[in-house]
Amino acid sequence: MTETGKSQIVDFLLALTDERVRWEKAPFDHPELVVPNGSPGTGSLVLCLPSNPCDETIRLPPVGAAGLAAKTLPPIGPFLDLDQHTH
């Protein structure tokens, strides 16, 4: 396949990207998400007690139907921030 052909395929696939996904706008927005992120402690000791839950979490705040721009946040970027035409 020629470099021009490869570039044309990338352009076609990028044209299929829905901008609502990049900006997390409705219907692709999300509510608050709480995601498990391992257990508290060190590499060799886990600190789980009845008073201390065994799962740490990460909180992803809700976006809302207006999307990331309404929260003055940038859109979702390309995977690994790679230039799609050079890889």
C-alpha atoms as a PDB file:
ATOM      1  CA  MET A   1       0.000   0.000   0.000  1.00  0.00           C
ATOM      2  CA  THR A   2       1.314   3.444  -0.854  1.00  0.00           C
ATOM      3  CA  GLU A   3       1.874   6.188   1.707  1.00  0.00           C
ATOM      4  CA  THR A   4      -0.902   8.187   0.029  1.00  0.00           C
ATOM      5  CA  GLY A   5      -3.283   5.239   0.383  1.00  0.00           C
ATOM      6  CA  LYS A   6      -2.402   4.850   4.062  1.00  0.00           C
ATOM      7  CA  SER A   7      -2.937   8.563   4.649  1.00  0.00           C
ATOM      8  CA  GLN A   8      -6.315   8.410   2.905  1.00  0.00           C
ATOM      9  CA  ILE A   9      -7.434   5.510   5.107  1.00  0.00           C
ATOM     10  CA  VAL A  10      -6.397   7.428   8.245  1.00  0.00           C
ATOM     11  CA  ASP A  11      -8.284  10.502   6.999  1.00  0.00           C
ATOM     12  CA  PHE A  12     -11.370   8.377   6.357  1.00  0.00           C
ATOM     13  CA  LEU A  13     -11.268   6.836   9.839  1.00  0.00           C
ATOM     14  CA  LEU A  14     -10.758  10.228  11.462  1.00  0.00           C
ATOM     15  CA  ALA A  15     -13.791  11.529   9.552  1.00  0.00           C
ATOM     16  CA  LEU A  16     -15.858   8.835  11.291  1.00  0.00           C
ATOM     17  CA  THR A  17     -14.982  10.272  14.724  1.00  0.00           C
ATOM     18  CA  ASP A  18     -18.028  11.758  16.386  1.00  0.00           C
ATOM     19  CA  GLU A  19     -17.071  15.106  17.912  1.00  0.00           C
ATOM     20  CA  ARG A  20     -19.601  14.484  20.695  1.00  0.00           C
ATOM     21  CA  VAL A  21     -17.355  11.632  21.884  1.00  0.00           C
ATOM     22  CA  ARG A  22     -14.217  13.823  21.885  1.00  0.00           C
ATOM     23  CA  TRP A  23     -16.033  16.494  23.921  1.00  0.00           C
ATOM     24  CA  GLU A  24     -18.022  14.003  26.068  1.00  0.00           C
ATOM     25  CA  LYS A  25     -21.270  15.719  25.092  1.00  0.00           C
ATOM     26  CA  ALA A  26     -24.681  14.072  25.368  1.00  0.00           C
ATOM     27  CA  PRO A  27     -25.379  11.241  24.731  1.00  0.00           C
ATOM     28  CA  PHE A  28     -21.703  10.402  25.447  1.00  0.00           C
ATOM     29  CA  ASP A  29     -21.409  12.304  28.714  1.00  0.00           C
ATOM     30  CA  HIS A  30     -21.115  10.349  31.943  1.00  0.00           C
ATOM     31  CA  PRO A  31     -22.293  10.619  35.513  1.00  0.00           C
ATOM     32  CA  GLU A  32     -19.885  10.610  38.419  1.00  0.00           C
ATOM     33  CA  LEU A  33     -17.793   7.452  38.251  1.00  0.00           C
ATOM     34  CA  VAL A  34     -15.955   5.930  41.204  1.00  0.00           C
ATOM     35  CA  VAL A  35     -13.332   3.468  40.014  1.00  0.00           C
ATOM     36  CA  PRO A  36     -11.422   0.997  42.242  1.00  0.00           C
ATOM     37  CA  ASN A  37      -7.677   1.687  42.237  1.00  0.00           C
ATOM     38  CA  GLY A  38      -6.047  -1.062  44.297  1.00  0.00           C
ATOM     39  CA  SER A  39      -5.518  -1.293  48.032  1.00  0.00           C
ATOM     40  CA  PRO A  40      -3.849   1.170  50.373  1.00  0.00           C
ATOM     41  CA  GLY A  41      -0.386   0.305  51.627  1.00  0.00           C
ATOM     42  CA  THR A  42       3.029  -0.389  50.170  1.00  0.00           C
ATOM     43  CA  GLY A  43       4.356  -2.949  47.694  1.00  0.00           C
ATOM     44  CA  SER A  44       4.769  -5.502  50.474  1.00  0.00           C
ATOM     45  CA  LEU A  45       2.073  -4.516  52.990  1.00  0.00           C
ATOM     46  CA  VAL A  46      -1.648  -3.979  52.483  1.00  0.00           C
ATOM     47  CA  LEU A  47      -3.337  -1.907  55.150  1.00  0.00           C
ATOM     48  CA  CYS A  48      -6.837  -3.372  55.466  1.00  0.00           C
ATOM     49  CA  LEU A  49      -8.611  -2.957  58.759  1.00  0.00           C
ATOM     50  CA  PRO A  50     -12.313  -3.001  59.634  1.00  0.00           C
ATOM     51  CA  SER A  51     -12.103   0.779  59.964  1.00  0.00           C
ATOM     52  CA  ASN A  52     -10.103   1.153  56.722  1.00  0.00           C
ATOM     53  CA  PRO A  53     -11.635  -0.229  53.506  1.00  0.00           C
ATOM     54  CA  CYS A  54      -9.393  -2.385  51.325  1.00  0.00           C
ATOM     55  CA  ASP A  55     -10.080  -0.520  48.081  1.00  0.00           C
ATOM     56  CA  GLU A  56      -8.816   2.912  47.201  1.00  0.00           C
ATOM     57  CA  THR A  57     -10.826   4.705  44.551  1.00  0.00           C
ATOM     58  CA  ILE A  58     -10.463   7.398  41.922  1.00  0.00           C
ATOM     59  CA  ARG A  59     -13.414   9.758  41.447  1.00  0.00           C
ATOM     60  CA  LEU A  60     -14.137  10.892  37.890  1.00  0.00           C
ATOM     61  CA  PRO A  61     -16.455  13.888  38.210  1.00  0.00           C
ATOM     62  CA  PRO A  62     -19.628  14.063  36.117  1.00  0.00           C
ATOM     63  CA  VAL A  63     -19.310  15.822  32.782  1.00  0.00           C
ATOM     64  CA  GLY A  64     -22.892  16.797  32.013  1.00  0.00           C
ATOM     65  CA  ALA A  65     -24.753  17.001  28.735  1.00  0.00           C
ATOM     66  CA  ALA A  66     -22.925  20.176  27.637  1.00  0.00           C
ATOM     67  CA  GLY A  67     -19.631  18.297  27.609  1.00  0.00           C
ATOM     68  CA  LEU A  68     -16.060  19.150  28.476  1.00  0.00           C
ATOM     69  CA  ALA A  69     -16.148  22.614  26.881  1.00  0.00           C
ATOM     70  CA  ALA A  70     -18.787  23.722  29.402  1.00  0.00           C
ATOM     71  CA  LYS A  71     -16.285  22.867  32.144  1.00  0.00           C
ATOM     72  CA  THR A  72     -13.489  24.655  30.198  1.00  0.00           C
ATOM     73  CA  LEU A  73     -11.699  21.337  29.701  1.00  0.00           C
ATOM     74  CA  PRO A  74      -9.941  20.254  26.490  1.00  0.00           C
ATOM     75  CA  PRO A  75     -11.351  17.492  24.271  1.00  0.00           C
ATOM     76  CA  ILE A  76     -10.126  13.919  24.523  1.00  0.00           C
ATOM     77  CA  GLY A  77      -6.925  13.685  22.487  1.00  0.00           C
ATOM     78  CA  PRO A  78      -5.636  10.954  20.218  1.00  0.00           C
ATOM     79  CA  PHE A  79      -4.386   7.698  21.700  1.00  0.00           C
ATOM     80  CA  LEU A  80      -0.998   8.293  23.370  1.00  0.00           C
ATOM     81  CA  ASP A  81      -1.123  11.795  21.828  1.00  0.00           C
ATOM     82  CA  LEU A  82       0.301  10.305  18.633  1.00  0.00           C
ATOM     83  CA  ASP A  83       0.109  12.091  15.299  1.00  0.00           C
ATOM     84  CA  GLN A  84      -2.177   9.777  13.342  1.00  0.00           C
ATOM     85  CA  HIS A  85      -0.299  10.334  10.070  1.00  0.00           C
ATOM     86  CA  THR A  86       3.194   9.498  11.332  1.00  0.00           C
ATOM     87  CA  HIS A  87       2.565   6.102  12.933  1.00  0.00           C
END
